[in-house]
Amino acid sequence: QVRLVESGGGSVQSGGALRLSCAYSASGDSNIDRCMGWFRQAPGSRREGVATIDFNGITTYAASVKGRFSISQDSATNTLYLEMNNLKPEDTATYYCATPAGRFEQCSANAAQWFGRWGQGTEVTVSP
């Protein structure tokens, strides 16, 4: 059983920063951290990829967040992070931590189809 629990969301003003955390655990699944990612969904919009990281530490980012957001992973504490700087109102969304449910061909923010296990989400609101 996989468990993904996000935290760290909140309300900030434009230009502010937040750090999201995702505590993960998986009974009987030692490969959960081979590929992990952050996705977001704004009201009335489709879910979109934000950032991913694989077991080699290779990261990918959506063009809209590159240079402002940073994804990292601490395997010792089973925690995935998303450091968000210079936040903009268009970053307002519910942010989800995710990992593939099984085999995957791509670990990429542009390959959401491979991600099948999701947390409950944490809300981020950025005011002008």
Protein backbone atom coordinates (compact mmCIF):
# COMPACT_ATOMS: atom_id res chain seq x y z
CA GLN A 1 0.00 0.00 0.00
CA VAL A 2 1.36 3.38 -1.03
CA ARG A 3 0.81 6.48 1.02
CA LEU A 4 1.63 10.00 -0.16
CA VAL A 5 0.91 12.91 2.17
CA GLU A 6 1.53 16.47 1.05
CA SER A 7 1.97 19.46 3.33
CA GLY A 8 3.33 22.99 3.26
CA GLY A 9 0.71 24.75 1.18
CA GLY A 10 -0.63 28.13 2.14
CA SER A 11 -1.31 31.69 1.04
CA VAL A 12 1.47 34.04 0.02
CA GLN A 13 1.83 37.25 -1.89
CA SER A 14 3.32 37.46 -5.35
CA GLY A 15 7.09 37.12 -5.14
CA GLY A 16 6.91 35.00 -2.02
CA ALA A 17 8.15 31.47 -1.41
CA LEU A 18 6.85 28.17 -0.09
CA ARG A 19 8.28 24.72 0.40
CA LEU A 20 6.00 21.75 -0.14
CA SER A 21 6.72 18.37 1.38
CA CYS A 22 5.45 14.91 0.51
CA ALA A 23 5.97 12.15 3.04
CA TYR A 24 5.79 8.80 1.28
CA SER A 25 5.67 5.20 2.32
CA ALA A 26 5.00 1.96 0.52
CA SER A 27 4.56 -1.40 2.10
CA GLY A 28 6.23 -4.01 -0.05
CA ASP A 29 7.27 -1.55 -2.73
CA SER A 30 10.92 -0.66 -2.57
CA ASN A 31 10.79 1.09 -5.93
CA ILE A 32 8.44 3.90 -4.99
CA ASP A 33 11.17 6.52 -5.20
CA ARG A 34 12.44 5.50 -8.64
CA CYS A 35 10.35 8.30 -10.07
CA MET A 36 8.42 10.92 -8.17
CA GLY A 37 6.83 14.17 -9.18
CA TRP A 38 4.76 17.20 -8.36
CA PHE A 39 1.68 18.10 -10.35
CA ARG A 40 -0.87 20.87 -9.91
CA GLN A 41 -4.43 21.64 -10.83
CA ALA A 42 -5.97 25.08 -10.81
CA PRO A 43 -9.76 25.49 -10.56
CA GLY A 44 -11.33 24.83 -13.95
CA SER A 45 -8.07 23.64 -15.45
CA ARG A 46 -6.49 20.31 -16.27
CA ARG A 47 -3.86 18.80 -14.03
CA GLU A 48 -0.38 19.69 -15.24
CA GLY A 49 3.09 18.48 -14.47
CA VAL A 50 5.35 20.73 -12.44
CA ALA A 51 8.53 18.78 -11.73
CA THR A 52 9.85 15.25 -11.49
CA ILE A 53 12.94 13.52 -10.13
CA ASP A 54 14.16 10.00 -10.84
CA PHE A 55 16.43 7.57 -8.98
CA ASN A 56 19.48 9.05 -10.68
CA GLY A 57 18.58 12.51 -9.44
CA ILE A 58 17.65 13.66 -12.91
CA THR A 59 15.01 16.37 -12.75
CA THR A 60 12.54 17.81 -15.23
CA TYR A 61 10.48 20.99 -14.92
CA ALA A 62 7.55 22.58 -16.66
CA ALA A 63 8.68 25.59 -18.65
CA SER A 64 6.46 27.84 -16.55
CA VAL A 65 8.34 27.05 -13.33
CA LYS A 66 11.90 26.46 -14.54
CA GLY A 67 14.31 28.67 -12.67
CA ARG A 68 11.82 29.34 -9.86
CA PHE A 69 10.98 25.88 -8.52
CA SER A 70 13.32 23.13 -7.36
CA ILE A 71 12.44 19.49 -6.68
CA SER A 72 14.48 17.35 -4.33
CA GLN A 73 14.20 14.05 -2.53
CA ASP A 74 15.49 12.79 0.80
CA SER A 75 15.53 9.00 0.72
CA ALA A 76 16.63 8.81 4.35
CA THR A 77 13.39 10.38 5.51
CA ASN A 78 11.22 9.33 2.55
CA THR A 79 10.32 12.91 1.79
CA LEU A 80 9.88 14.67 -1.53
CA TYR A 81 10.19 18.45 -1.60
CA LEU A 82 9.23 21.27 -3.92
CA GLU A 83 10.91 24.58 -3.22
CA MET A 84 8.91 27.37 -4.84
CA ASN A 85 10.37 30.85 -5.18
CA ASN A 86 9.19 34.05 -6.84
CA LEU A 87 5.64 32.77 -6.77
CA LYS A 88 3.13 34.25 -9.18
CA PRO A 89 -0.69 34.37 -9.05
CA GLU A 90 -0.77 31.84 -11.90
CA ASP A 91 0.92 29.33 -9.57
CA THR A 92 -2.29 29.18 -7.54
CA ALA A 93 -3.45 25.56 -7.57
CA THR A 94 -3.75 22.37 -5.61
CA TYR A 95 -0.38 20.62 -5.70
CA TYR A 96 -0.15 16.84 -5.76
CA CYS A 97 2.69 14.46 -5.10
CA ALA A 98 2.70 11.42 -7.37
CA THR A 99 4.61 8.34 -8.40
CA PRO A 100 4.11 5.69 -11.10
CA ALA A 101 1.93 2.74 -10.15
CA GLY A 102 4.15 0.29 -11.99
CA ARG A 103 6.47 0.31 -14.97
CA PHE A 104 7.07 3.61 -16.68
CA GLU A 105 8.86 4.75 -19.78
CA GLN A 106 9.39 8.36 -18.84
CA CYS A 107 9.93 10.20 -15.58
CA SER A 108 8.97 13.64 -16.79
CA ALA A 109 6.72 16.54 -15.94
CA ASN A 110 5.40 16.14 -19.49
CA ALA A 111 4.51 12.47 -19.02
CA ALA A 112 1.71 12.47 -16.46
CA GLN A 113 0.23 9.33 -18.05
CA TRP A 114 2.78 7.22 -16.21
CA PHE A 115 1.83 8.49 -12.78
CA GLY A 116 -0.86 6.40 -11.13
CA ARG A 117 -0.49 6.99 -7.40
CA TRP A 118 -1.46 10.35 -5.97
CA GLY A 119 -1.60 12.16 -2.67
CA GLN A 120 -4.58 14.17 -1.51
CA GLY A 121 -3.05 17.51 -2.46
CA THR A 122 -2.12 20.73 -0.71
CA GLU A 123 -3.43 24.14 -1.73
CA VAL A 124 -1.27 27.04 -2.74
CA THR A 125 -2.75 30.51 -3.18
CA VAL A 126 -0.69 33.40 -4.51
CA SER A 127 -2.22 36.85 -4.31
CA PRO A 128 -1.14 39.78 -6.52
